Amino acid sequence: MSQSKKHLDFELNLIPFIDLLSTCICFLLLTAVWLNVGSMNVKQAVGGQPASETPKKPTLWVFLGDKGDMTLETRDAQTLPVNMRKLKLGGGSEGKVDLQALAAQLDLMKKSEPELKTALIQPRAQTAYEDIIDLMDQFKKSGMGDLGVVPL
């Protein structure tokens, strides 16, 4: 019985492997340019620096309630009367935010405190997204450019 012996020498063709690696390197070099284009600079709006370095700017905090009601609270306002520093506004029809009452109140606040340009909205978990957008639109119309949504 003779058994045929198989050759144990096996030649590996490296040319396709080298072609694949050179293609991957070219793709890597071409896409590396897009990494800088796809990034943007973001800085933290509140709390990014020590409290001693932060200038005290007046800020309007808006706490949303369950049925469209909201509480307006101003912080670090120097010229705003005491009775306007914390206000509670009732909700509008169908549990929506009353934007007309808010606009009137914002006009009064802007007349008393012209430096008031920052508004932070703190919604509840059941607050509709469109209510937050409507509030932000109203703040933009009244001249407040720095807007933010406080996380729950």
N, C-alpha and C. Protein backbone atom coordinates (compact mmCIF):
# COMPACT_ATOMS: atom_id res chain seq x y z
N MET A 1 0.83 -1.18 0.00
CA MET A 1 0.00 0.00 0.00
C MET A 1 0.86 1.22 0.00
N SER A 2 0.72 1.84 -1.00
CA SER A 2 1.50 3.06 -1.06
C SER A 2 0.56 4.25 -0.87
N GLN A 3 0.99 5.10 -0.04
CA GLN A 3 0.21 6.32 0.19
C GLN A 3 0.90 7.46 -0.51
N SER A 4 0.07 8.27 -1.12
CA SER A 4 0.66 9.43 -1.78
C SER A 4 0.85 10.53 -0.75
N LYS A 5 1.98 11.05 -0.76
CA LYS A 5 2.26 12.13 0.19
C LYS A 5 1.92 13.46 -0.45
N LYS A 6 1.21 14.25 0.34
CA LYS A 6 0.87 15.59 -0.13
C LYS A 6 2.01 16.53 0.22
N HIS A 7 2.16 17.48 -0.63
CA HIS A 7 3.19 18.47 -0.36
C HIS A 7 2.71 19.39 0.75
N LEU A 8 3.51 19.63 1.72
CA LEU A 8 3.16 20.52 2.82
C LEU A 8 3.55 21.96 2.54
N ASP A 9 4.22 22.19 1.48
CA ASP A 9 4.59 23.56 1.11
C ASP A 9 3.39 24.20 0.41
N PHE A 10 2.98 25.33 0.93
CA PHE A 10 1.85 26.04 0.33
C PHE A 10 2.27 27.47 0.05
N GLU A 11 2.07 27.92 -1.13
CA GLU A 11 2.44 29.28 -1.48
C GLU A 11 1.22 30.17 -1.33
N LEU A 12 1.38 31.22 -0.59
CA LEU A 12 0.32 32.19 -0.37
C LEU A 12 0.52 33.35 -1.33
N ASN A 13 -0.50 33.63 -2.11
CA ASN A 13 -0.41 34.73 -3.07
C ASN A 13 -0.69 36.03 -2.32
N LEU A 14 0.31 36.85 -2.11
CA LEU A 14 0.19 38.07 -1.33
C LEU A 14 -0.21 39.29 -2.16
N ILE A 15 -0.23 39.18 -3.44
CA ILE A 15 -0.53 40.35 -4.29
C ILE A 15 -1.97 40.85 -4.06
N PRO A 16 -3.00 40.01 -4.01
CA PRO A 16 -4.35 40.55 -3.72
C PRO A 16 -4.44 41.17 -2.33
N PHE A 17 -3.72 40.61 -1.37
CA PHE A 17 -3.73 41.16 -0.02
C PHE A 17 -3.09 42.55 0.02
N ILE A 18 -2.00 42.70 -0.70
CA ILE A 18 -1.33 44.01 -0.78
C ILE A 18 -2.20 45.02 -1.52
N ASP A 19 -2.90 44.60 -2.54
CA ASP A 19 -3.83 45.48 -3.25
C ASP A 19 -4.94 45.97 -2.33
N LEU A 20 -5.49 45.05 -1.53
CA LEU A 20 -6.55 45.42 -0.59
C LEU A 20 -6.03 46.42 0.45
N LEU A 21 -4.86 46.19 0.98
CA LEU A 21 -4.30 47.12 1.96
C LEU A 21 -4.02 48.48 1.36
N SER A 22 -3.51 48.53 0.15
CA SER A 22 -3.24 49.84 -0.47
C SER A 22 -4.53 50.59 -0.74
N THR A 23 -5.61 49.87 -1.08
CA THR A 23 -6.92 50.52 -1.27
C THR A 23 -7.43 51.08 0.05
N CYS A 24 -7.29 50.29 1.13
CA CYS A 24 -7.74 50.76 2.44
C CYS A 24 -6.95 51.99 2.90
N ILE A 25 -5.66 52.01 2.63
CA ILE A 25 -4.84 53.16 3.02
C ILE A 25 -5.26 54.40 2.24
N CYS A 26 -5.53 54.24 0.95
CA CYS A 26 -5.99 55.39 0.15
C CYS A 26 -7.33 55.91 0.67
N PHE A 27 -8.25 55.01 1.01
CA PHE A 27 -9.55 55.41 1.55
C PHE A 27 -9.38 56.14 2.88
N LEU A 28 -8.47 55.64 3.73
CA LEU A 28 -8.21 56.28 5.01
C LEU A 28 -7.66 57.70 4.81
N LEU A 29 -6.74 57.87 3.89
CA LEU A 29 -6.16 59.19 3.66
C LEU A 29 -7.18 60.17 3.09
N LEU A 30 -8.08 59.69 2.25
CA LEU A 30 -9.09 60.58 1.67
C LEU A 30 -10.14 60.98 2.70
N THR A 31 -10.54 60.06 3.58
CA THR A 31 -11.58 60.39 4.56
C THR A 31 -11.04 61.14 5.76
N ALA A 32 -9.74 61.15 5.98
CA ALA A 32 -9.17 61.88 7.12
C ALA A 32 -9.39 63.37 6.98
N VAL A 33 -9.54 63.88 5.78
CA VAL A 33 -9.78 65.30 5.56
C VAL A 33 -11.14 65.70 6.10
N TRP A 34 -12.12 64.82 6.02
CA TRP A 34 -13.48 65.14 6.43
C TRP A 34 -13.66 65.17 7.93
N LEU A 35 -12.72 64.68 8.70
CA LEU A 35 -12.87 64.68 10.14
C LEU A 35 -12.92 66.09 10.70
N ASN A 36 -12.11 67.00 10.18
CA ASN A 36 -12.13 68.38 10.66
C ASN A 36 -13.37 69.12 10.19
N VAL A 37 -13.89 68.82 9.03
CA VAL A 37 -15.07 69.50 8.52
C VAL A 37 -16.30 69.11 9.32
N GLY A 38 -16.36 67.86 9.80
CA GLY A 38 -17.54 67.36 10.50
C GLY A 38 -17.61 67.75 11.95
N SER A 39 -16.62 68.42 12.50
CA SER A 39 -16.65 68.80 13.91
C SER A 39 -17.07 70.25 14.06
N MET A 40 -17.61 70.57 15.22
CA MET A 40 -17.97 71.96 15.50
C MET A 40 -17.61 72.27 16.95
N ASN A 41 -17.30 73.52 17.18
CA ASN A 41 -16.92 73.96 18.52
C ASN A 41 -18.17 74.24 19.33
N VAL A 42 -18.26 73.61 20.48
CA VAL A 42 -19.39 73.79 21.37
C VAL A 42 -18.83 74.10 22.75
N LYS A 43 -19.37 75.10 23.39
CA LYS A 43 -18.95 75.39 24.74
C LYS A 43 -20.17 75.35 25.65
N GLN A 44 -19.93 75.07 26.87
CA GLN A 44 -21.01 74.96 27.84
C GLN A 44 -21.51 76.35 28.18
N ALA A 45 -22.84 76.53 28.11
CA ALA A 45 -23.41 77.85 28.31
C ALA A 45 -23.45 78.25 29.78
N VAL A 46 -23.81 77.33 30.64
CA VAL A 46 -23.94 77.63 32.06
C VAL A 46 -22.98 76.73 32.82
N GLY A 47 -22.11 77.31 33.60
CA GLY A 47 -21.23 76.53 34.46
C GLY A 47 -19.92 76.13 33.83
N GLY A 48 -19.50 76.76 32.76
CA GLY A 48 -18.26 76.40 32.11
C GLY A 48 -17.03 77.00 32.77
N GLN A 49 -17.19 77.99 33.59
CA GLN A 49 -16.07 78.65 34.24
C GLN A 49 -16.41 78.84 35.72
N PRO A 50 -15.40 79.18 36.53
CA PRO A 50 -15.67 79.38 37.96
C PRO A 50 -16.66 80.52 38.21
N ALA A 51 -17.39 80.43 39.30
CA ALA A 51 -18.42 81.42 39.61
C ALA A 51 -17.84 82.81 39.83
N SER A 52 -16.59 82.90 40.31
CA SER A 52 -15.99 84.21 40.54
C SER A 52 -15.69 84.94 39.23
N GLU A 53 -15.46 84.20 38.13
CA GLU A 53 -15.15 84.83 36.85
C GLU A 53 -16.40 85.14 36.03
N THR A 54 -17.53 84.58 36.41
CA THR A 54 -18.74 84.72 35.63
C THR A 54 -19.40 86.07 35.93
N PRO A 55 -19.61 86.89 34.90
CA PRO A 55 -20.34 88.14 35.15
C PRO A 55 -21.80 87.83 35.42
N LYS A 56 -22.39 88.57 36.32
CA LYS A 56 -23.78 88.35 36.69
C LYS A 56 -24.69 89.04 35.68
N LYS A 57 -25.29 88.24 34.80
CA LYS A 57 -26.25 88.77 33.83
C LYS A 57 -27.64 88.34 34.27
N PRO A 58 -28.62 89.20 34.05
CA PRO A 58 -29.98 88.79 34.42
C PRO A 58 -30.45 87.62 33.56
N THR A 59 -31.10 86.68 34.21
CA THR A 59 -31.56 85.46 33.55
C THR A 59 -33.01 85.21 33.92
N LEU A 60 -33.80 84.82 32.94
CA LEU A 60 -35.20 84.47 33.17
C LEU A 60 -35.32 82.96 33.12
N TRP A 61 -35.78 82.38 34.22
CA TRP A 61 -36.03 80.94 34.29
C TRP A 61 -37.53 80.72 34.14
N VAL A 62 -37.89 79.79 33.27
CA VAL A 62 -39.30 79.47 33.02
C VAL A 62 -39.52 78.01 33.41
N PHE A 63 -40.35 77.80 34.43
CA PHE A 63 -40.68 76.46 34.87
C PHE A 63 -42.08 76.13 34.37
N LEU A 64 -42.19 75.12 33.53
CA LEU A 64 -43.48 74.76 32.95
C LEU A 64 -44.24 73.82 33.88
N GLY A 65 -45.57 74.02 33.93
CA GLY A 65 -46.43 73.19 34.76
C GLY A 65 -47.14 72.12 33.95
N ASP A 66 -48.10 71.49 34.59
CA ASP A 66 -48.81 70.37 33.97
C ASP A 66 -49.81 70.79 32.91
N LYS A 67 -50.54 71.87 33.15
CA LYS A 67 -51.64 72.25 32.26
C LYS A 67 -51.39 73.56 31.54
N GLY A 68 -50.18 73.78 31.10
CA GLY A 68 -49.86 74.99 30.37
C GLY A 68 -49.48 76.16 31.25
N ASP A 69 -49.57 75.99 32.56
CA ASP A 69 -49.18 77.09 33.45
C ASP A 69 -47.66 77.12 33.55
N MET A 70 -47.15 78.29 33.87
CA MET A 70 -45.70 78.45 33.98
C MET A 70 -45.36 79.47 35.05
N THR A 71 -44.17 79.30 35.60
CA THR A 71 -43.65 80.22 36.60
C THR A 71 -42.43 80.90 36.02
N LEU A 72 -42.45 82.23 36.02
CA LEU A 72 -41.33 83.04 35.53
C LEU A 72 -40.55 83.53 36.73
N GLU A 73 -39.26 83.25 36.73
CA GLU A 73 -38.42 83.68 37.84
C GLU A 73 -37.17 84.33 37.28
N THR A 74 -36.90 85.57 37.66
CA THR A 74 -35.71 86.27 37.19
C THR A 74 -34.64 86.21 38.27
N ARG A 75 -33.41 86.00 37.83
CA ARG A 75 -32.28 85.95 38.75
C ARG A 75 -31.25 86.97 38.31
N ASP A 76 -30.61 87.60 39.28
CA ASP A 76 -29.57 88.61 39.06
C ASP A 76 -30.08 89.84 38.32
N ALA A 77 -31.35 90.16 38.46
CA ALA A 77 -31.91 91.36 37.84
C ALA A 77 -31.82 92.50 38.85
N GLN A 78 -31.18 93.59 38.45
CA GLN A 78 -30.94 94.70 39.37
C GLN A 78 -32.09 95.70 39.38
N THR A 79 -32.62 96.04 38.21
CA THR A 79 -33.61 97.12 38.13
C THR A 79 -35.04 96.61 38.06
N LEU A 80 -35.25 95.32 38.06
CA LEU A 80 -36.60 94.75 37.98
C LEU A 80 -37.28 94.87 39.34
N PRO A 81 -38.51 95.38 39.38
CA PRO A 81 -39.22 95.47 40.66
C PRO A 81 -39.38 94.10 41.33
N VAL A 82 -39.47 94.10 42.64
CA VAL A 82 -39.54 92.85 43.40
C VAL A 82 -40.79 92.05 43.05
N ASN A 83 -41.90 92.74 42.78
CA ASN A 83 -43.14 92.01 42.48
C ASN A 83 -43.11 91.34 41.10
N MET A 84 -42.12 91.66 40.26
CA MET A 84 -42.01 91.03 38.93
C MET A 84 -40.93 89.96 38.87
N ARG A 85 -40.27 89.70 40.00
CA ARG A 85 -39.16 88.75 39.97
C ARG A 85 -39.62 87.29 39.97
N LYS A 86 -40.80 87.02 40.49
CA LYS A 86 -41.34 85.67 40.45
C LYS A 86 -42.83 85.78 40.17
N LEU A 87 -43.22 85.32 38.99
CA LEU A 87 -44.62 85.42 38.55
C LEU A 87 -45.13 84.05 38.15
N LYS A 88 -46.42 83.85 38.36
CA LYS A 88 -47.06 82.61 37.93
C LYS A 88 -48.12 82.98 36.89
N LEU A 89 -48.00 82.38 35.71
CA LEU A 89 -48.97 82.62 34.64
C LEU A 89 -49.79 81.35 34.44
N GLY A 90 -51.09 81.52 34.29
CA GLY A 90 -51.98 80.38 34.07
C GLY A 90 -51.89 79.89 32.64
N GLY A 91 -52.38 78.69 32.43
CA GLY A 91 -52.35 78.09 31.10
C GLY A 91 -53.47 78.61 30.23
N GLY A 92 -53.31 78.44 28.95
CA GLY A 92 -54.32 78.86 27.99
C GLY A 92 -55.35 77.76 27.78
N SER A 93 -55.99 77.80 26.64
CA SER A 93 -57.03 76.82 26.34
C SER A 93 -56.40 75.46 26.02
N GLU A 94 -57.09 74.42 26.35
CA GLU A 94 -56.70 73.03 26.06
C GLU A 94 -55.35 72.66 26.66
N GLY A 95 -54.97 73.28 27.76
CA GLY A 95 -53.71 72.95 28.41
C GLY A 95 -52.48 73.47 27.70
N LYS A 96 -52.66 74.38 26.77
CA LYS A 96 -51.52 74.97 26.04
C LYS A 96 -50.98 76.16 26.81
N VAL A 97 -49.79 76.58 26.45
CA VAL A 97 -49.16 77.75 27.04
C VAL A 97 -49.83 79.00 26.50
N ASP A 98 -50.13 79.96 27.38
CA ASP A 98 -50.75 81.22 26.98
C ASP A 98 -49.66 82.17 26.50
N LEU A 99 -49.46 82.21 25.19
CA LEU A 99 -48.37 82.99 24.61
C LEU A 99 -48.65 84.49 24.65
N GLN A 100 -49.92 84.89 24.59
CA GLN A 100 -50.25 86.33 24.64
C GLN A 100 -49.95 86.91 26.01
N ALA A 101 -50.30 86.18 27.07
CA ALA A 101 -49.99 86.66 28.42
C ALA A 101 -48.48 86.70 28.63
N LEU A 102 -47.78 85.72 28.07
CA LEU A 102 -46.32 85.70 28.19
C LEU A 102 -45.70 86.88 27.45
N ALA A 103 -46.20 87.19 26.25
CA ALA A 103 -45.67 88.31 25.48
C ALA A 103 -45.86 89.63 26.23
N ALA A 104 -47.04 89.81 26.82
CA ALA A 104 -47.29 91.04 27.58
C ALA A 104 -46.35 91.13 28.78
N GLN A 105 -46.15 90.03 29.46
CA GLN A 105 -45.28 90.04 30.63
C GLN A 105 -43.82 90.27 30.24
N LEU A 106 -43.41 89.69 29.12
CA LEU A 106 -42.03 89.89 28.66
C LEU A 106 -41.77 91.34 28.26
N ASP A 107 -42.77 91.99 27.66
CA ASP A 107 -42.61 93.40 27.32
C ASP A 107 -42.42 94.25 28.57
N LEU A 108 -43.19 93.96 29.61
CA LEU A 108 -43.02 94.70 30.86
C LEU A 108 -41.65 94.45 31.48
N MET A 109 -41.21 93.21 31.42
CA MET A 109 -39.90 92.88 31.99
C MET A 109 -38.76 93.53 31.21
N LYS A 110 -38.87 93.54 29.89
CA LYS A 110 -37.83 94.15 29.06
C LYS A 110 -37.76 95.67 29.24
N LYS A 111 -38.90 96.30 29.53
CA LYS A 111 -38.89 97.74 29.80
C LYS A 111 -38.19 98.05 31.12
N SER A 112 -38.40 97.20 32.12
CA SER A 112 -37.78 97.42 33.43
C SER A 112 -36.32 96.97 33.45
N GLU A 113 -36.01 95.90 32.75
CA GLU A 113 -34.66 95.34 32.74
C GLU A 113 -34.22 95.13 31.30
N PRO A 114 -33.63 96.16 30.65
CA PRO A 114 -33.26 96.02 29.24
C PRO A 114 -32.13 95.02 28.99
N GLU A 115 -31.36 94.69 30.02
CA GLU A 115 -30.24 93.74 29.87
C GLU A 115 -30.70 92.28 29.89
N LEU A 116 -31.97 92.03 30.04
CA LEU A 116 -32.50 90.67 30.12
C LEU A 116 -32.52 90.07 28.72
N LYS A 117 -31.55 89.17 28.47
CA LYS A 117 -31.43 88.56 27.14
C LYS A 117 -31.33 87.04 27.19
N THR A 118 -31.30 86.48 28.39
CA THR A 118 -31.13 85.04 28.54
C THR A 118 -32.38 84.44 29.16
N ALA A 119 -32.88 83.37 28.54
CA ALA A 119 -34.04 82.65 29.07
C ALA A 119 -33.73 81.16 29.07
N LEU A 120 -34.00 80.52 30.20
CA LEU A 120 -33.81 79.08 30.34
C LEU A 120 -35.15 78.44 30.64
N ILE A 121 -35.53 77.45 29.87
CA ILE A 121 -36.83 76.79 30.00
C ILE A 121 -36.60 75.44 30.66
N GLN A 122 -37.37 75.17 31.72
CA GLN A 122 -37.31 73.86 32.35
C GLN A 122 -38.67 73.19 32.19
N PRO A 123 -38.77 72.28 31.23
CA PRO A 123 -40.05 71.60 30.99
C PRO A 123 -40.23 70.44 31.97
N ARG A 124 -41.45 69.91 31.96
CA ARG A 124 -41.74 68.69 32.71
C ARG A 124 -41.67 67.52 31.74
N ALA A 125 -41.75 66.33 32.25
CA ALA A 125 -41.64 65.15 31.40
C ALA A 125 -42.81 65.06 30.42
N GLN A 126 -43.99 65.53 30.81
CA GLN A 126 -45.16 65.43 29.93
C GLN A 126 -45.38 66.68 29.08
N THR A 127 -44.46 67.62 29.10
CA THR A 127 -44.59 68.83 28.28
C THR A 127 -44.44 68.48 26.81
N ALA A 128 -45.34 68.99 26.00
CA ALA A 128 -45.28 68.74 24.56
C ALA A 128 -44.10 69.51 23.95
N TYR A 129 -43.47 68.89 22.98
CA TYR A 129 -42.31 69.49 22.32
C TYR A 129 -42.70 70.79 21.61
N GLU A 130 -43.89 70.83 21.03
CA GLU A 130 -44.33 72.03 20.31
C GLU A 130 -44.52 73.21 21.27
N ASP A 131 -44.86 72.95 22.53
CA ASP A 131 -44.98 74.04 23.51
C ASP A 131 -43.62 74.67 23.79
N ILE A 132 -42.60 73.84 23.86
CA ILE A 132 -41.25 74.37 24.10
C ILE A 132 -40.79 75.21 22.91
N ILE A 133 -41.07 74.74 21.71
CA ILE A 133 -40.69 75.48 20.50
C ILE A 133 -41.46 76.80 20.42
N ASP A 134 -42.76 76.78 20.75
CA ASP A 134 -43.56 78.01 20.75
C ASP A 134 -43.01 79.01 21.77
N LEU A 135 -42.62 78.53 22.94
CA LEU A 135 -42.02 79.42 23.94
C LEU A 135 -40.72 80.04 23.43
N MET A 136 -39.89 79.21 22.81
CA MET A 136 -38.62 79.73 22.29
C MET A 136 -38.86 80.77 21.20
N ASP A 137 -39.86 80.54 20.34
CA ASP A 137 -40.21 81.53 19.32
C ASP A 137 -40.66 82.84 19.95
N GLN A 138 -41.44 82.73 21.00
CA GLN A 138 -41.94 83.94 21.68
C GLN A 138 -40.78 84.71 22.32
N PHE A 139 -39.84 84.00 22.91
CA PHE A 139 -38.68 84.66 23.50
C PHE A 139 -37.83 85.34 22.43
N LYS A 140 -37.67 84.70 21.29
CA LYS A 140 -36.92 85.31 20.19
C LYS A 140 -37.60 86.58 19.71
N LYS A 141 -38.94 86.54 19.60
CA LYS A 141 -39.68 87.73 19.15
C LYS A 141 -39.54 88.88 20.14
N SER A 142 -39.40 88.56 21.43
CA SER A 142 -39.30 89.63 22.42
C SER A 142 -37.88 90.14 22.60
N GLY A 143 -36.91 89.59 21.84
CA GLY A 143 -35.56 90.13 21.88
C GLY A 143 -34.59 89.36 22.74
N MET A 144 -34.97 88.20 23.21
CA MET A 144 -34.05 87.37 23.99
C MET A 144 -33.34 86.42 23.06
N GLY A 145 -32.04 86.59 22.93
CA GLY A 145 -31.29 85.79 21.97
C GLY A 145 -30.65 84.54 22.56
N ASP A 146 -30.35 84.55 23.84
CA ASP A 146 -29.70 83.41 24.48
C ASP A 146 -30.76 82.53 25.12
N LEU A 147 -31.07 81.42 24.48
CA LEU A 147 -32.12 80.52 24.96
C LEU A 147 -31.51 79.17 25.29
N GLY A 148 -32.13 78.49 26.23
CA GLY A 148 -31.67 77.16 26.59
C GLY A 148 -32.79 76.36 27.20
N VAL A 149 -32.64 75.05 27.15
CA VAL A 149 -33.58 74.15 27.78
C VAL A 149 -32.82 73.41 28.87
N VAL A 150 -33.31 73.53 30.09
CA VAL A 150 -32.67 72.91 31.24
C VAL A 150 -33.11 71.44 31.27
N PRO A 151 -32.17 70.52 31.40
CA PRO A 151 -32.58 69.10 31.44
C PRO A 151 -33.41 68.80 32.67
N LEU A 152 -34.20 67.75 32.54
CA LEU A 152 -35.09 67.34 33.64
C LEU A 152 -34.30 66.85 34.82
